[in-house]
Amino acid sequence: MNGEQLTAVYRNNNGEIISFQTSGGRIISYRKALMEAENGVIEGIHIDENKDGSMQLNPSDSSSFDDFPSLY
């Protein structure tokens, strides 16, 4: 793999992911992570479409980001 990977998550008070840390040390928003995954900058992620038509990120090797460390 040549691209960055997502390594940690930051959640809001409702438990929703609002940003990520990358293997390069960057902190990026969920929307930026979605764009970069679509463009191949971030690897190890697949994009799913929700029932409401919105796009959602999921790690390729598991079903959710629950096992990712949390940023504070």
C-alpha atoms as a PDB file:
ATOM      1  CA  MET A   1       0.000   0.000   0.000  1.00  0.00           C
ATOM      2  CA  ASN A   2       1.325   3.393  -0.971  1.00  0.00           C
ATOM      3  CA  GLY A   3      -1.460   5.630   0.335  1.00  0.00           C
ATOM      4  CA  GLU A   4      -2.206   6.732   3.840  1.00  0.00           C
ATOM      5  CA  GLN A   5      -4.481   4.770   6.124  1.00  0.00           C
ATOM      6  CA  LEU A   6      -6.856   5.873   8.856  1.00  0.00           C
ATOM      7  CA  THR A   7      -5.417   5.070  12.272  1.00  0.00           C
ATOM      8  CA  ALA A   8      -7.654   6.742  14.874  1.00  0.00           C
ATOM      9  CA  VAL A   9     -11.058   8.418  15.183  1.00  0.00           C
ATOM     10  CA  TYR A  10     -12.464  11.456  16.959  1.00  0.00           C
ATOM     11  CA  ARG A  11     -16.116  11.223  18.002  1.00  0.00           C
ATOM     12  CA  ASN A  12     -18.521  13.929  19.074  1.00  0.00           C
ATOM     13  CA  ASN A  13     -20.679  13.734  22.231  1.00  0.00           C
ATOM     14  CA  ASN A  14     -23.249  11.620  20.348  1.00  0.00           C
ATOM     15  CA  GLY A  15     -20.618   9.024  19.436  1.00  0.00           C
ATOM     16  CA  GLU A  16     -20.548  10.009  15.754  1.00  0.00           C
ATOM     17  CA  ILE A  17     -17.165  10.091  14.020  1.00  0.00           C
ATOM     18  CA  ILE A  18     -16.301  13.650  13.055  1.00  0.00           C
ATOM     19  CA  SER A  19     -12.615  13.331  12.130  1.00  0.00           C
ATOM     20  CA  PHE A  20      -9.749  10.885  11.681  1.00  0.00           C
ATOM     21  CA  GLN A  21      -6.016  10.713  12.186  1.00  0.00           C
ATOM     22  CA  THR A  22      -4.076   9.309   9.233  1.00  0.00           C
ATOM     23  CA  SER A  23      -0.930   7.205   9.186  1.00  0.00           C
ATOM     24  CA  GLY A  24       0.830  10.395   8.034  1.00  0.00           C
ATOM     25  CA  GLY A  25      -0.206  12.155  11.259  1.00  0.00           C
ATOM     26  CA  ARG A  26      -2.810  14.424   9.663  1.00  0.00           C
ATOM     27  CA  ILE A  27      -6.151  15.133  11.330  1.00  0.00           C
ATOM     28  CA  ILE A  28      -8.854  15.301   8.661  1.00  0.00           C
ATOM     29  CA  SER A  29     -12.616  15.698   8.752  1.00  0.00           C
ATOM     30  CA  TYR A  30     -14.983  12.865   7.881  1.00  0.00           C
ATOM     31  CA  ARG A  31     -15.881  14.627   4.625  1.00  0.00           C
ATOM     32  CA  LYS A  32     -12.193  15.083   3.692  1.00  0.00           C
ATOM     33  CA  ALA A  33     -11.536  11.404   4.481  1.00  0.00           C
ATOM     34  CA  LEU A  34     -14.444  10.440   2.231  1.00  0.00           C
ATOM     35  CA  MET A  35     -13.084  12.576  -0.623  1.00  0.00           C
ATOM     36  CA  GLU A  36      -9.554  11.231  -0.200  1.00  0.00           C
ATOM     37  CA  ALA A  37     -10.788   7.626  -0.090  1.00  0.00           C
ATOM     38  CA  GLU A  38     -12.717   8.229  -3.329  1.00  0.00           C
ATOM     39  CA  ASN A  39      -9.543   9.636  -4.929  1.00  0.00           C
ATOM     40  CA  GLY A  40      -7.296   6.799  -3.708  1.00  0.00           C
ATOM     41  CA  VAL A  41      -5.240   8.963  -1.329  1.00  0.00           C
ATOM     42  CA  ILE A  42      -6.451   6.927   1.660  1.00  0.00           C
ATOM     43  CA  GLU A  43      -6.373   3.156   1.346  1.00  0.00           C
ATOM     44  CA  GLY A  44      -7.925   0.335   3.359  1.00  0.00           C
ATOM     45  CA  ILE A  45     -11.360   1.953   3.278  1.00  0.00           C
ATOM     46  CA  HIS A  46     -14.457   1.186   1.293  1.00  0.00           C
ATOM     47  CA  ILE A  47     -17.368   3.518   0.696  1.00  0.00           C
ATOM     48  CA  ASP A  48     -20.961   2.394   1.142  1.00  0.00           C
ATOM     49  CA  GLU A  49     -24.182   4.193   0.323  1.00  0.00           C
ATOM     50  CA  ASN A  50     -26.698   4.452   3.181  1.00  0.00           C
ATOM     51  CA  LYS A  51     -30.430   3.972   2.717  1.00  0.00           C
ATOM     52  CA  ASP A  52     -30.852   7.750   2.632  1.00  0.00           C
ATOM     53  CA  GLY A  53     -28.325   8.065  -0.214  1.00  0.00           C
ATOM     54  CA  SER A  54     -25.469   9.488   1.855  1.00  0.00           C
ATOM     55  CA  MET A  55     -22.007   7.970   1.632  1.00  0.00           C
ATOM     56  CA  GLN A  56     -20.367   6.196   4.567  1.00  0.00           C
ATOM     57  CA  LEU A  57     -16.781   5.086   5.189  1.00  0.00           C
ATOM     58  CA  ASN A  58     -16.012   1.606   6.496  1.00  0.00           C
ATOM     59  CA  PRO A  59     -12.676  -0.064   7.132  1.00  0.00           C
ATOM     60  CA  SER A  60     -11.941  -2.820   4.618  1.00  0.00           C
ATOM     61  CA  ASP A  61     -10.776  -5.307   7.242  1.00  0.00           C
ATOM     62  CA  SER A  62     -13.690  -4.927   9.715  1.00  0.00           C
ATOM     63  CA  SER A  63     -17.300  -3.815   9.797  1.00  0.00           C
ATOM     64  CA  SER A  64     -16.833  -0.593  11.790  1.00  0.00           C
ATOM     65  CA  PHE A  65     -14.372   1.839  13.311  1.00  0.00           C
ATOM     66  CA  ASP A  66     -15.170   0.633  16.858  1.00  0.00           C
ATOM     67  CA  ASP A  67     -11.750  -1.030  17.191  1.00  0.00           C
ATOM     68  CA  PHE A  68      -9.872   2.117  16.178  1.00  0.00           C
ATOM     69  CA  PRO A  69      -8.287   4.161  18.981  1.00  0.00           C
ATOM     70  CA  SER A  70     -10.053   7.367  19.950  1.00  0.00           C
ATOM     71  CA  LEU A  71      -8.392  10.780  19.749  1.00  0.00           C
ATOM     72  CA  TYR A  72      -8.898  13.187  22.605  1.00  0.00           C
END
